[in-house]
PDB file of N, CA and C in Angstrom:
ATOM      1  N   MET A   1      19.149  -7.939  42.328  1.00  0.00           N
ATOM      2  CA  MET A   1      19.799  -8.136  41.041  1.00  0.00           C
ATOM      3  C   MET A   1      19.918  -9.622  40.728  1.00  0.00           C
ATOM      4  N   GLN A   2      20.223 -10.405  41.770  1.00  0.00           N
ATOM      5  CA  GLN A   2      20.389 -11.836  41.558  1.00  0.00           C
ATOM      6  C   GLN A   2      19.064 -12.476  41.134  1.00  0.00           C
ATOM      7  N   ASN A   3      17.939 -12.006  41.686  1.00  0.00           N
ATOM      8  CA  ASN A   3      16.637 -12.528  41.276  1.00  0.00           C
ATOM      9  C   ASN A   3      16.354 -12.208  39.811  1.00  0.00           C
ATOM     10  N   PHE A   4      16.782 -11.035  39.369  1.00  0.00           N
ATOM     11  CA  PHE A   4      16.615 -10.653  37.970  1.00  0.00           C
ATOM     12  C   PHE A   4      17.374 -11.616  37.064  1.00  0.00           C
ATOM     13  N   ILE A   5      18.613 -11.939  37.441  1.00  0.00           N
ATOM     14  CA  ILE A   5      19.435 -12.858  36.642  1.00  0.00           C
ATOM     15  C   ILE A   5      18.804 -14.241  36.622  1.00  0.00           C
ATOM     16  N   LYS A   6      18.325 -14.702  37.778  1.00  0.00           N
ATOM     17  CA  LYS A   6      17.660 -16.011  37.828  1.00  0.00           C
ATOM     18  C   LYS A   6      16.416 -16.014  36.939  1.00  0.00           C
ATOM     19  N   GLY A   7      15.670 -14.922  36.978  1.00  0.00           N
ATOM     20  CA  GLY A   7      14.478 -14.815  36.138  1.00  0.00           C
ATOM     21  C   GLY A   7      14.820 -14.830  34.663  1.00  0.00           C
ATOM     22  N   ALA A   8      15.882 -14.137  34.306  1.00  0.00           N
ATOM     23  CA  ALA A   8      16.306 -14.099  32.905  1.00  0.00           C
ATOM     24  C   ALA A   8      16.756 -15.474  32.441  1.00  0.00           C
ATOM     25  N   VAL A   9      17.512 -16.168  33.291  1.00  0.00           N
ATOM     26  CA  VAL A   9      17.971 -17.523  32.953  1.00  0.00           C
ATOM     27  C   VAL A   9      16.775 -18.455  32.793  1.00  0.00           C
ATOM     28  N   LEU A  10      15.803 -18.334  33.692  1.00  0.00           N
ATOM     29  CA  LEU A  10      14.604 -19.164  33.600  1.00  0.00           C
ATOM     30  C   LEU A  10      13.840 -18.871  32.312  1.00  0.00           C
ATOM     31  N   ALA A  11      13.692 -17.607  31.975  1.00  0.00           N
ATOM     32  CA  ALA A  11      12.973 -17.228  30.758  1.00  0.00           C
ATOM     33  C   ALA A  11      13.659 -17.780  29.518  1.00  0.00           C
ATOM     34  N   VAL A  12      14.981 -17.674  29.465  1.00  0.00           N
ATOM     35  CA  VAL A  12      15.731 -18.198  28.317  1.00  0.00           C
ATOM     36  C   VAL A  12      15.595 -19.714  28.255  1.00  0.00           C
ATOM     37  N   SER A  13      15.674 -20.371  29.399  1.00  0.00           N
ATOM     38  CA  SER A  13      15.539 -21.833  29.442  1.00  0.00           C
ATOM     39  C   SER A  13      14.179 -22.271  28.926  1.00  0.00           C
ATOM     40  N   LEU A  14      13.133 -21.579  29.356  1.00  0.00           N
ATOM     41  CA  LEU A  14      11.788 -21.922  28.895  1.00  0.00           C
ATOM     42  C   LEU A  14      11.633 -21.687  27.397  1.00  0.00           C
ATOM     43  N   ALA A  15      12.219 -20.627  26.898  1.00  0.00           N
ATOM     44  CA  ALA A  15      12.141 -20.334  25.465  1.00  0.00           C
ATOM     45  C   ALA A  15      12.841 -21.412  24.651  1.00  0.00           C
ATOM     46  N   VAL A  16      14.001 -21.847  25.120  1.00  0.00           N
ATOM     47  CA  VAL A  16      14.742 -22.905  24.422  1.00  0.00           C
ATOM     48  C   VAL A  16      13.958 -24.207  24.467  1.00  0.00           C
ATOM     49  N   ALA A  17      13.383 -24.523  25.624  1.00  0.00           N
ATOM     50  CA  ALA A  17      12.606 -25.756  25.760  1.00  0.00           C
ATOM     51  C   ALA A  17      11.379 -25.724  24.854  1.00  0.00           C
ATOM     52  N   ALA A  18      10.711 -24.586  24.788  1.00  0.00           N
ATOM     53  CA  ALA A  18       9.532 -24.462  23.928  1.00  0.00           C
ATOM     54  C   ALA A  18       9.910 -24.648  22.468  1.00  0.00           C
ATOM     55  N   GLY A  19      11.047 -24.110  22.079  1.00  0.00           N
ATOM     56  CA  GLY A  19      11.515 -24.280  20.703  1.00  0.00           C
ATOM     57  C   GLY A  19      11.803 -25.731  20.390  1.00  0.00           C
ATOM     58  N   ALA A  20      12.380 -26.440  21.344  1.00  0.00           N
ATOM     59  CA  ALA A  20      12.686 -27.855  21.145  1.00  0.00           C
ATOM     60  C   ALA A  20      11.409 -28.661  20.999  1.00  0.00           C
ATOM     61  N   VAL A  21      10.405 -28.367  21.815  1.00  0.00           N
ATOM     62  CA  VAL A  21       9.130 -29.074  21.720  1.00  0.00           C
ATOM     63  C   VAL A  21       8.474 -28.786  20.380  1.00  0.00           C
ATOM     64  N   ALA A  22       8.511 -27.534  19.942  1.00  0.00           N
ATOM     65  CA  ALA A  22       7.912 -27.169  18.657  1.00  0.00           C
ATOM     66  C   ALA A  22       8.581 -27.909  17.516  1.00  0.00           C
ATOM     67  N   GLU A  23       9.900 -28.124  17.621  1.00  0.00           N
ATOM     68  CA  GLU A  23      10.612 -28.834  16.562  1.00  0.00           C
ATOM     69  C   GLU A  23      10.247 -30.310  16.539  1.00  0.00           C
ATOM     70  N   GLU A  24       9.791 -30.864  17.663  1.00  0.00           N
ATOM     71  CA  GLU A  24       9.436 -32.275  17.738  1.00  0.00           C
ATOM     72  C   GLU A  24       8.039 -32.552  17.198  1.00  0.00           C
ATOM     73  N   ARG A  25       7.204 -31.527  17.055  1.00  0.00           N
ATOM     74  CA  ARG A  25       5.852 -31.729  16.560  1.00  0.00           C
ATOM     75  C   ARG A  25       5.902 -32.154  15.100  1.00  0.00           C
ATOM     76  N   PRO A  26       4.987 -33.016  14.710  1.00  0.00           N
ATOM     77  CA  PRO A  26       4.959 -33.430  13.306  1.00  0.00           C
ATOM     78  C   PRO A  26       4.532 -32.267  12.419  1.00  0.00           C
ATOM     79  N   ASP A  27       4.859 -32.397  11.144  1.00  0.00           N
ATOM     80  CA  ASP A  27       4.432 -31.380  10.189  1.00  0.00           C
ATOM     81  C   ASP A  27       2.914 -31.291  10.205  1.00  0.00           C
ATOM     82  N   HIS A  28       2.418 -30.106  10.059  1.00  0.00           N
ATOM     83  CA  HIS A  28       0.986 -29.902  10.063  1.00  0.00           C
ATOM     84  C   HIS A  28       0.519 -29.471   8.685  1.00  0.00           C
ATOM     85  N   PHE A  29      -0.778 -29.507   8.513  1.00  0.00           N
ATOM     86  CA  PHE A  29      -1.379 -29.107   7.255  1.00  0.00           C
ATOM     87  C   PHE A  29      -1.328 -27.592   7.128  1.00  0.00           C
ATOM     88  N   LYS A  30      -1.345 -27.123   5.916  1.00  0.00           N
ATOM     89  CA  LYS A  30      -1.362 -25.687   5.690  1.00  0.00           C
ATOM     90  C   LYS A  30      -2.790 -25.176   5.522  1.00  0.00           C
ATOM     91  N   GLY A  31      -3.681 -26.004   5.050  1.00  0.00           N
ATOM     92  CA  GLY A  31      -5.035 -25.559   4.768  1.00  0.00           C
ATOM     93  C   GLY A  31      -5.060 -24.737   3.493  1.00  0.00           C
ATOM     94  N   LEU A  32      -6.258 -24.489   3.003  1.00  0.00           N
ATOM     95  CA  LEU A  32      -6.399 -23.668   1.805  1.00  0.00           C
ATOM     96  C   LEU A  32      -6.132 -22.215   2.150  1.00  0.00           C
ATOM     97  N   ALA A  33      -5.474 -21.537   1.247  1.00  0.00           N
ATOM     98  CA  ALA A  33      -5.180 -20.120   1.449  1.00  0.00           C
ATOM     99  C   ALA A  33      -6.457 -19.300   1.280  1.00  0.00           C
ATOM    100  N   ALA A  34      -6.457 -18.141   1.909  1.00  0.00           N
ATOM    101  CA  ALA A  34      -7.566 -17.198   1.777  1.00  0.00           C
ATOM    102  C   ALA A  34      -6.982 -15.842   1.384  1.00  0.00           C
ATOM    103  N   PRO A  35      -6.586 -15.719   0.118  1.00  0.00           N
ATOM    104  CA  PRO A  35      -5.898 -14.495  -0.310  1.00  0.00           C
ATOM    105  C   PRO A  35      -6.796 -13.261  -0.374  1.00  0.00           C
ATOM    106  N   ASP A  36      -8.109 -13.483  -0.450  1.00  0.00           N
ATOM    107  CA  ASP A  36      -9.037 -12.355  -0.507  1.00  0.00           C
ATOM    108  C   ASP A  36     -10.296 -12.713   0.273  1.00  0.00           C
ATOM    109  N   LEU A  37     -11.108 -11.714   0.535  1.00  0.00           N
ATOM    110  CA  LEU A  37     -12.291 -11.914   1.374  1.00  0.00           C
ATOM    111  C   LEU A  37     -13.278 -12.890   0.750  1.00  0.00           C
ATOM    112  N   GLN A  38     -13.498 -12.811  -0.544  1.00  0.00           N
ATOM    113  CA  GLN A  38     -14.454 -13.714  -1.181  1.00  0.00           C
ATOM    114  C   GLN A  38     -14.028 -15.169  -1.018  1.00  0.00           C
ATOM    115  N   THR A  39     -12.763 -15.449  -1.237  1.00  0.00           N
ATOM    116  CA  THR A  39     -12.248 -16.807  -1.058  1.00  0.00           C
ATOM    117  C   THR A  39     -12.388 -17.231   0.395  1.00  0.00           C
ATOM    118  N   ALA A  40     -12.085 -16.326   1.311  1.00  0.00           N
ATOM    119  CA  ALA A  40     -12.189 -16.639   2.738  1.00  0.00           C
ATOM    120  C   ALA A  40     -13.626 -16.989   3.117  1.00  0.00           C
ATOM    121  N   VAL A  41     -14.581 -16.202   2.651  1.00  0.00           N
ATOM    122  CA  VAL A  41     -15.989 -16.453   2.966  1.00  0.00           C
ATOM    123  C   VAL A  41     -16.448 -17.771   2.343  1.00  0.00           C
ATOM    124  N   ASP A  42     -16.048 -18.020   1.110  1.00  0.00           N
ATOM    125  CA  ASP A  42     -16.412 -19.277   0.448  1.00  0.00           C
ATOM    126  C   ASP A  42     -15.839 -20.477   1.197  1.00  0.00           C
ATOM    127  N   ASN A  43     -14.552 -20.408   1.541  1.00  0.00           N
ATOM    128  CA  ASN A  43     -13.917 -21.505   2.274  1.00  0.00           C
ATOM    129  C   ASN A  43     -14.548 -21.685   3.646  1.00  0.00           C
ATOM    130  N   PHE A  44     -14.840 -20.583   4.311  1.00  0.00           N
ATOM    131  CA  PHE A  44     -15.442 -20.628   5.640  1.00  0.00           C
ATOM    132  C   PHE A  44     -16.789 -21.342   5.586  1.00  0.00           C
ATOM    133  N   SER A  45     -17.599 -21.007   4.601  1.00  0.00           N
ATOM    134  CA  SER A  45     -18.910 -21.630   4.450  1.00  0.00           C
ATOM    135  C   SER A  45     -18.787 -23.120   4.131  1.00  0.00           C
ATOM    136  N   GLU A  46     -17.973 -23.427   3.137  1.00  0.00           N
ATOM    137  CA  GLU A  46     -17.823 -24.826   2.720  1.00  0.00           C
ATOM    138  C   GLU A  46     -17.242 -25.692   3.834  1.00  0.00           C
ATOM    139  N   TYR A  47     -16.217 -25.205   4.495  1.00  0.00           N
ATOM    140  CA  TYR A  47     -15.549 -26.022   5.505  1.00  0.00           C
ATOM    141  C   TYR A  47     -16.341 -26.092   6.808  1.00  0.00           C
ATOM    142  N   ASN A  48     -17.194 -25.113   7.082  1.00  0.00           N
ATOM    143  CA  ASN A  48     -18.123 -25.250   8.203  1.00  0.00           C
ATOM    144  C   ASN A  48     -19.134 -26.352   7.911  1.00  0.00           C
ATOM    145  N   ASN A  49     -19.591 -26.445   6.666  1.00  0.00           N
ATOM    146  CA  ASN A  49     -20.496 -27.530   6.285  1.00  0.00           C
ATOM    147  C   ASN A  49     -19.812 -28.880   6.437  1.00  0.00           C
ATOM    148  N   ARG A  50     -18.557 -28.958   6.041  1.00  0.00           N
ATOM    149  CA  ARG A  50     -17.805 -30.207   6.197  1.00  0.00           C
ATOM    150  C   ARG A  50     -17.631 -30.557   7.675  1.00  0.00           C
ATOM    151  N   LEU A  51     -17.364 -29.549   8.493  1.00  0.00           N
ATOM    152  CA  LEU A  51     -17.214 -29.781   9.930  1.00  0.00           C
ATOM    153  C   LEU A  51     -18.521 -30.288  10.523  1.00  0.00           C
ATOM    154  N   GLU A  52     -19.616 -29.666  10.145  1.00  0.00           N
ATOM    155  CA  GLU A  52     -20.919 -30.094  10.648  1.00  0.00           C
ATOM    156  C   GLU A  52     -21.192 -31.548  10.285  1.00  0.00           C
ATOM    157  N   LYS A  53     -20.889 -31.916   9.053  1.00  0.00           N
ATOM    158  CA  LYS A  53     -21.101 -33.295   8.600  1.00  0.00           C
ATOM    159  C   LYS A  53     -20.230 -34.257   9.402  1.00  0.00           C
ATOM    160  N   ALA A  54     -18.973 -33.904   9.606  1.00  0.00           N
ATOM    161  CA  ALA A  54     -18.065 -34.776  10.355  1.00  0.00           C
ATOM    162  C   ALA A  54     -18.498 -34.911  11.812  1.00  0.00           C
ATOM    163  N   LEU A  55     -19.022 -33.849  12.388  1.00  0.00           N
ATOM    164  CA  LEU A  55     -19.456 -33.891  13.788  1.00  0.00           C
ATOM    165  C   LEU A  55     -20.725 -34.707  13.985  1.00  0.00           C
ATOM    166  N   ASN A  56     -21.491 -34.918  12.914  1.00  0.00           N
ATOM    167  CA  ASN A  56     -22.727 -35.684  13.017  1.00  0.00           C
ATOM    168  C   ASN A  56     -22.498 -37.188  13.040  1.00  0.00           C
ATOM    169  N   GLY A  57     -21.276 -37.614  12.790  1.00  0.00           N
ATOM    170  CA  GLY A  57     -20.977 -39.040  12.778  1.00  0.00           C
ATOM    171  C   GLY A  57     -20.606 -39.553  14.160  1.00  0.00           C
ATOM    172  N   ASP A  58     -19.987 -40.716  14.173  1.00  0.00           N
ATOM    173  CA  ASP A  58     -19.575 -41.350  15.427  1.00  0.00           C
ATOM    174  C   ASP A  58     -18.257 -40.816  15.956  1.00  0.00           C
ATOM    175  N   LEU A  59     -17.639 -39.917  15.236  1.00  0.00           N
ATOM    176  CA  LEU A  59     -16.329 -39.361  15.577  1.00  0.00           C
ATOM    177  C   LEU A  59     -15.269 -40.459  15.690  1.00  0.00           C
ATOM    178  N   THR A  60     -15.121 -41.158  14.595  1.00  0.00           N
ATOM    179  CA  THR A  60     -14.083 -42.174  14.493  1.00  0.00           C
ATOM    180  C   THR A  60     -12.724 -41.487  14.424  1.00  0.00           C
ATOM    181  N   ASP A  61     -11.674 -42.286  14.463  1.00  0.00           N
ATOM    182  CA  ASP A  61     -10.331 -41.722  14.316  1.00  0.00           C
ATOM    183  C   ASP A  61     -10.191 -40.996  12.978  1.00  0.00           C
ATOM    184  N   ALA A  62     -10.797 -41.557  11.945  1.00  0.00           N
ATOM    185  CA  ALA A  62     -10.746 -40.910  10.627  1.00  0.00           C
ATOM    186  C   ALA A  62     -11.479 -39.567  10.662  1.00  0.00           C
ATOM    187  N   ASP A  63     -12.615 -39.515  11.369  1.00  0.00           N
ATOM    188  CA  ASP A  63     -13.345 -38.249  11.505  1.00  0.00           C
ATOM    189  C   ASP A  63     -12.495 -37.212  12.229  1.00  0.00           C
ATOM    190  N   LEU A  64     -11.827 -37.629  13.290  1.00  0.00           N
ATOM    191  CA  LEU A  64     -10.968 -36.710  14.037  1.00  0.00           C
ATOM    192  C   LEU A  64      -9.854 -36.171  13.151  1.00  0.00           C
ATOM    193  N   ALA A  65      -9.267 -37.039  12.352  1.00  0.00           N
ATOM    194  CA  ALA A  65      -8.203 -36.606  11.446  1.00  0.00           C
ATOM    195  C   ALA A  65      -8.749 -35.628  10.407  1.00  0.00           C
ATOM    196  N   THR A  66      -9.930 -35.922   9.891  1.00  0.00           N
ATOM    197  CA  THR A  66     -10.565 -35.033   8.917  1.00  0.00           C
ATOM    198  C   THR A  66     -10.850 -33.671   9.533  1.00  0.00           C
ATOM    199  N   ILE A  67     -11.410 -33.675  10.733  1.00  0.00           N
ATOM    200  CA  ILE A  67     -11.720 -32.422  11.424  1.00  0.00           C
ATOM    201  C   ILE A  67     -10.445 -31.632  11.675  1.00  0.00           C
ATOM    202  N   HIS A  68      -9.414 -32.332  12.131  1.00  0.00           N
ATOM    203  CA  HIS A  68      -8.144 -31.657  12.396  1.00  0.00           C
ATOM    204  C   HIS A  68      -7.625 -30.980  11.127  1.00  0.00           C
ATOM    205  N   GLU A  69      -7.692 -31.687  10.025  1.00  0.00           N
ATOM    206  CA  GLU A  69      -7.178 -31.140   8.769  1.00  0.00           C
ATOM    207  C   GLU A  69      -8.005 -29.952   8.288  1.00  0.00           C
ATOM    208  N   LEU A  70      -9.314 -30.052   8.362  1.00  0.00           N
ATOM    209  CA  LEU A  70     -10.130 -28.959   7.831  1.00  0.00           C
ATOM    210  C   LEU A  70     -10.091 -27.713   8.701  1.00  0.00           C
ATOM    211  N   THR A  71      -9.712 -27.856   9.973  1.00  0.00           N
ATOM    212  CA  THR A  71      -9.623 -26.662  10.821  1.00  0.00           C
ATOM    213  C   THR A  71      -8.536 -25.707  10.347  1.00  0.00           C
ATOM    214  N   TYR A  72      -7.544 -26.200   9.654  1.00  0.00           N
ATOM    215  CA  TYR A  72      -6.504 -25.306   9.141  1.00  0.00           C
ATOM    216  C   TYR A  72      -7.072 -24.344   8.096  1.00  0.00           C
ATOM    217  N   THR A  73      -7.928 -24.854   7.229  1.00  0.00           N
ATOM    218  CA  THR A  73      -8.571 -23.989   6.245  1.00  0.00           C
ATOM    219  C   THR A  73      -9.513 -23.016   6.940  1.00  0.00           C
ATOM    220  N   LEU A  74     -10.246 -23.497   7.948  1.00  0.00           N
ATOM    221  CA  LEU A  74     -11.133 -22.604   8.699  1.00  0.00           C
ATOM    222  C   LEU A  74     -10.348 -21.502   9.401  1.00  0.00           C
ATOM    223  N   GLU A  75      -9.212 -21.853   9.972  1.00  0.00           N
ATOM    224  CA  GLU A  75      -8.377 -20.847  10.642  1.00  0.00           C
ATOM    225  C   GLU A  75      -7.871 -19.800   9.655  1.00  0.00           C
ATOM    226  N   ASN A  76      -7.428 -20.250   8.483  1.00  0.00           N
ATOM    227  CA  ASN A  76      -6.957 -19.308   7.457  1.00  0.00           C
ATOM    228  C   ASN A  76      -8.080 -18.372   7.020  1.00  0.00           C
ATOM    229  N   ALA A  77      -9.256 -18.952   6.794  1.00  0.00           N
ATOM    230  CA  ALA A  77     -10.395 -18.147   6.358  1.00  0.00           C
ATOM    231  C   ALA A  77     -10.792 -17.143   7.436  1.00  0.00           C
ATOM    232  N   LEU A  78     -10.867 -17.609   8.663  1.00  0.00           N
ATOM    233  CA  LEU A  78     -11.286 -16.735   9.756  1.00  0.00           C
ATOM    234  C   LEU A  78     -10.284 -15.617  10.004  1.00  0.00           C
ATOM    235  N   GLU A  79      -9.017 -15.925   9.847  1.00  0.00           N
ATOM    236  CA  GLU A  79      -7.996 -14.884  10.004  1.00  0.00           C
ATOM    237  C   GLU A  79      -8.198 -13.772   8.971  1.00  0.00           C
ATOM    238  N   LYS A  80      -8.414 -14.159   7.717  1.00  0.00           N
ATOM    239  CA  LYS A  80      -8.621 -13.163   6.659  1.00  0.00           C
ATOM    240  C   LYS A  80      -9.916 -12.387   6.884  1.00  0.00           C
ATOM    241  N   ILE A  81     -10.964 -13.088   7.279  1.00  0.00           N
ATOM    242  CA  ILE A  81     -12.241 -12.422   7.546  1.00  0.00           C
ATOM    243  C   ILE A  81     -12.075 -11.401   8.667  1.00  0.00           C
ATOM    244  N   ASN A  82     -11.400 -11.787   9.732  1.00  0.00           N
ATOM    245  CA  ASN A  82     -11.189 -10.861  10.851  1.00  0.00           C
ATOM    246  C   ASN A  82     -10.405  -9.628  10.428  1.00  0.00           C
ATOM    247  N   ILE A  83      -9.356  -9.826   9.653  1.00  0.00           N
ATOM    248  CA  ILE A  83      -8.554  -8.691   9.171  1.00  0.00           C
ATOM    249  C   ILE A  83      -9.418  -7.756   8.330  1.00  0.00           C
ATOM    250  N   ASP A  84     -10.164  -8.338   7.408  1.00  0.00           N
ATOM    251  CA  ASP A  84     -10.977  -7.511   6.518  1.00  0.00           C
ATOM    252  C   ASP A  84     -12.145  -6.849   7.252  1.00  0.00           C
ATOM    253  N   LEU A  85     -12.683  -7.510   8.275  1.00  0.00           N
ATOM    254  CA  LEU A  85     -13.760  -6.890   9.043  1.00  0.00           C
ATOM    255  C   LEU A  85     -13.251  -5.721   9.878  1.00  0.00           C
ATOM    256  N   GLU A  86     -12.025  -5.811  10.348  1.00  0.00           N
ATOM    257  CA  GLU A  86     -11.433  -4.666  11.046  1.00  0.00           C
ATOM    258  C   GLU A  86     -11.312  -3.478  10.090  1.00  0.00           C
ATOM    259  N   GLU A  87     -10.851  -3.751   8.877  1.00  0.00           N
ATOM    260  CA  GLU A  87     -10.749  -2.693   7.867  1.00  0.00           C
ATOM    261  C   GLU A  87     -12.133  -2.160   7.497  1.00  0.00           C
ATOM    262  N   LEU A  88     -13.113  -3.058   7.436  1.00  0.00           N
ATOM    263  CA  LEU A  88     -14.477  -2.648   7.111  1.00  0.00           C
ATOM    264  C   LEU A  88     -15.034  -1.725   8.195  1.00  0.00           C
ATOM    265  N   ALA A  89     -14.737  -2.029   9.442  1.00  0.00           N
ATOM    266  CA  ALA A  89     -15.182  -1.169  10.544  1.00  0.00           C
ATOM    267  C   ALA A  89     -14.571   0.229  10.421  1.00  0.00           C
ATOM    268  N   GLU A  90     -13.313   0.280  10.016  1.00  0.00           N
ATOM    269  CA  GLU A  90     -12.659   1.580   9.811  1.00  0.00           C
ATOM    270  C   GLU A  90     -13.319   2.343   8.663  1.00  0.00           C
ATOM    271  N   THR A  91     -13.671   1.625   7.610  1.00  0.00           N
ATOM    272  CA  THR A  91     -14.338   2.267   6.476  1.00  0.00           C
ATOM    273  C   THR A  91     -15.723   2.760   6.878  1.00  0.00           C
ATOM    274  N   LEU A  92     -16.443   1.967   7.652  1.00  0.00           N
ATOM    275  CA  LEU A  92     -17.755   2.398   8.130  1.00  0.00           C
ATOM    276  C   LEU A  92     -17.629   3.647   8.998  1.00  0.00           C
ATOM    277  N   GLU A  93     -16.590   3.709   9.796  1.00  0.00           N
ATOM    278  CA  GLU A  93     -16.370   4.905  10.614  1.00  0.00           C
ATOM    279  C   GLU A  93     -16.152   6.127   9.726  1.00  0.00           C
ATOM    280  N   LYS A  94     -15.469   5.942   8.593  1.00  0.00           N
ATOM    281  CA  LYS A  94     -15.294   7.053   7.643  1.00  0.00           C
ATOM    282  C   LYS A  94     -16.642   7.493   7.083  1.00  0.00           C
ATOM    283  N   VAL A  95     -17.506   6.516   6.796  1.00  0.00           N
ATOM    284  CA  VAL A  95     -18.855   6.835   6.321  1.00  0.00           C
ATOM    285  C   VAL A  95     -19.598   7.616   7.402  1.00  0.00           C
ATOM    286  N   HIS A  96     -19.503   7.138   8.610  1.00  0.00           N
ATOM    287  CA  HIS A  96     -20.185   7.778   9.735  1.00  0.00           C
ATOM    288  C   HIS A  96     -19.728   9.228   9.913  1.00  0.00           C
ATOM    289  N   VAL A  97     -18.425   9.411   9.969  1.00  0.00           N
ATOM    290  CA  VAL A  97     -17.873  10.753  10.182  1.00  0.00           C
ATOM    291  C   VAL A  97     -18.193  11.660   8.998  1.00  0.00           C
ATOM    292  N   ALA A  98     -18.089  11.126   7.793  1.00  0.00           N
ATOM    293  CA  ALA A  98     -18.382  11.937   6.607  1.00  0.00           C
ATOM    294  C   ALA A  98     -19.839  12.385   6.605  1.00  0.00           C
ATOM    295  N   SER A  99     -20.736  11.491   6.992  1.00  0.00           N
ATOM    296  CA  SER A  99     -22.153  11.875   7.024  1.00  0.00           C
ATOM    297  C   SER A  99     -22.422  12.870   8.145  1.00  0.00           C
ATOM    298  N   GLU A 100     -21.734  12.696   9.239  1.00  0.00           N
ATOM    299  CA  GLU A 100     -21.907  13.572  10.397  1.00  0.00           C
ATOM    300  C   GLU A 100     -21.385  14.987  10.138  1.00  0.00           C
ATOM    301  N   THR A 101     -20.330  15.063   9.335  1.00  0.00           N
ATOM    302  CA  THR A 101     -19.692  16.363   9.063  1.00  0.00           C
ATOM    303  C   THR A 101     -20.072  16.931   7.698  1.00  0.00           C
ATOM    304  N   ASN A 102     -21.040  16.298   7.058  1.00  0.00           N
ATOM    305  CA  ASN A 102     -21.512  16.741   5.733  1.00  0.00           C
ATOM    306  C   ASN A 102     -20.398  16.765   4.690  1.00  0.00           C
ATOM    307  N   ASN A 103     -19.493  15.811   4.779  1.00  0.00           N
ATOM    308  CA  ASN A 103     -18.381  15.722   3.835  1.00  0.00           C
ATOM    309  C   ASN A 103     -18.791  14.786   2.697  1.00  0.00           C
ATOM    310  N   ARG A 104     -19.422  15.347   1.706  1.00  0.00           N
ATOM    311  CA  ARG A 104     -19.965  14.553   0.604  1.00  0.00           C
ATOM    312  C   ARG A 104     -18.888  13.823  -0.195  1.00  0.00           C
ATOM    313  N   ASP A 105     -17.760  14.463  -0.418  1.00  0.00           N
ATOM    314  CA  ASP A 105     -16.686  13.827  -1.187  1.00  0.00           C
ATOM    315  C   ASP A 105     -16.164  12.585  -0.469  1.00  0.00           C
ATOM    316  N   ALA A 106     -15.926  12.708   0.818  1.00  0.00           N
ATOM    317  CA  ALA A 106     -15.444  11.557   1.589  1.00  0.00           C
ATOM    318  C   ALA A 106     -16.503  10.465   1.623  1.00  0.00           C
ATOM    319  N   LEU A 107     -17.760  10.856   1.721  1.00  0.00           N
ATOM    320  CA  LEU A 107     -18.853   9.890   1.755  1.00  0.00           C
ATOM    321  C   LEU A 107     -18.983   9.151   0.430  1.00  0.00           C
ATOM    322  N   LYS A 108     -18.809   9.871  -0.676  1.00  0.00           N
ATOM    323  CA  LYS A 108     -18.890   9.226  -1.993  1.00  0.00           C
ATOM    324  C   LYS A 108     -17.741   8.250  -2.215  1.00  0.00           C
ATOM    325  N   GLU A 109     -16.642   8.450  -1.517  1.00  0.00           N
ATOM    326  CA  GLU A 109     -15.509   7.528  -1.621  1.00  0.00           C
ATOM    327  C   GLU A 109     -15.664   6.352  -0.658  1.00  0.00           C
ATOM    328  N   ALA A 110     -15.963   6.652   0.584  1.00  0.00           N
ATOM    329  CA  ALA A 110     -16.016   5.603   1.606  1.00  0.00           C
ATOM    330  C   ALA A 110     -17.280   4.754   1.505  1.00  0.00           C
ATOM    331  N   GLY A 111     -18.397   5.367   1.122  1.00  0.00           N
ATOM    332  CA  GLY A 111     -19.664   4.632   1.050  1.00  0.00           C
ATOM    333  C   GLY A 111     -19.618   3.430   0.123  1.00  0.00           C
ATOM    334  N   PRO A 112     -19.257   3.627  -1.145  1.00  0.00           N
ATOM    335  CA  PRO A 112     -19.175   2.480  -2.053  1.00  0.00           C
ATOM    336  C   PRO A 112     -18.124   1.446  -1.624  1.00  0.00           C
ATOM    337  N   ALA A 113     -17.016   1.911  -1.080  1.00  0.00           N
ATOM    338  CA  ALA A 113     -15.991   0.967  -0.607  1.00  0.00           C
ATOM    339  C   ALA A 113     -16.559   0.093   0.502  1.00  0.00           C
ATOM    340  N   TYR A 114     -17.304   0.712   1.406  1.00  0.00           N
ATOM    341  CA  TYR A 114     -17.936  -0.044   2.488  1.00  0.00           C
ATOM    342  C   TYR A 114     -18.922  -1.067   1.926  1.00  0.00           C
ATOM    343  N   LEU A 115     -19.788  -0.617   1.036  1.00  0.00           N
ATOM    344  CA  LEU A 115     -20.805  -1.511   0.484  1.00  0.00           C
ATOM    345  C   LEU A 115     -20.192  -2.659  -0.308  1.00  0.00           C
ATOM    346  N   ASN A 116     -19.162  -2.378  -1.095  1.00  0.00           N
ATOM    347  CA  ASN A 116     -18.523  -3.438  -1.883  1.00  0.00           C
ATOM    348  C   ASN A 116     -18.002  -4.549  -0.988  1.00  0.00           C
ATOM    349  N   THR A 117     -17.347  -4.185   0.081  1.00  0.00           N
ATOM    350  CA  THR A 117     -16.800  -5.199   0.986  1.00  0.00           C
ATOM    351  C   THR A 117     -17.908  -5.877   1.782  1.00  0.00           C
ATOM    352  N   SER A 118     -18.848  -5.099   2.291  1.00  0.00           N
ATOM    353  CA  SER A 118     -19.902  -5.689   3.124  1.00  0.00           C
ATOM    354  C   SER A 118     -20.765  -6.664   2.340  1.00  0.00           C
ATOM    355  N   ARG A 119     -20.929  -6.427   1.060  1.00  0.00           N
ATOM    356  CA  ARG A 119     -21.769  -7.319   0.247  1.00  0.00           C
ATOM    357  C   ARG A 119     -21.097  -8.651  -0.049  1.00  0.00           C
ATOM    358  N   ILE A 120     -19.823  -8.739   0.175  1.00  0.00           N
ATOM    359  CA  ILE A 120     -19.147 -10.035   0.052  1.00  0.00           C
ATOM    360  C   ILE A 120     -19.583 -10.940   1.198  1.00  0.00           C
ATOM    361  N   ILE A 121     -19.824 -10.332   2.343  1.00  0.00           N
ATOM    362  CA  ILE A 121     -20.201 -11.093   3.533  1.00  0.00           C
ATOM    363  C   ILE A 121     -21.699 -11.359   3.563  1.00  0.00           C
ATOM    364  N   VAL A 122     -22.487 -10.323   3.280  1.00  0.00           N
ATOM    365  CA  VAL A 122     -23.944 -10.429   3.304  1.00  0.00           C
ATOM    366  C   VAL A 122     -24.459 -10.015   1.942  1.00  0.00           C
ATOM    367  N   LYS A 123     -25.148 -10.934   1.297  1.00  0.00           N
ATOM    368  CA  LYS A 123     -25.617 -10.652  -0.062  1.00  0.00           C
ATOM    369  C   LYS A 123     -27.068 -10.282  -0.066  1.00  0.00           C
TER     370      LYS A 123
END
């Protein structure tokens, strides 16, 4: 029981310390929002091009700062893309099951939904 209490005290101490360190970090950039898949894909493409350009230089302090800032937009875009791709996989599974079970109504609903989303990624 005493080891449990020591473990709990240690866990709480670490949590408090981590919170204090997080509060000491400087404010960070928010990056561009990716409210929908099209915006996410556009931002992902544009900011990957910017990253590639920055990486081709001498990597000065200014380049590092630029890269650091643009990664926030890339992270936002990638998060939205990942969420939507998970949903797309679920929709594709509906297409698969509907075709497998000869469910034409479900296929007519899921098929176009799948294609609409997939065409945002691959044109």
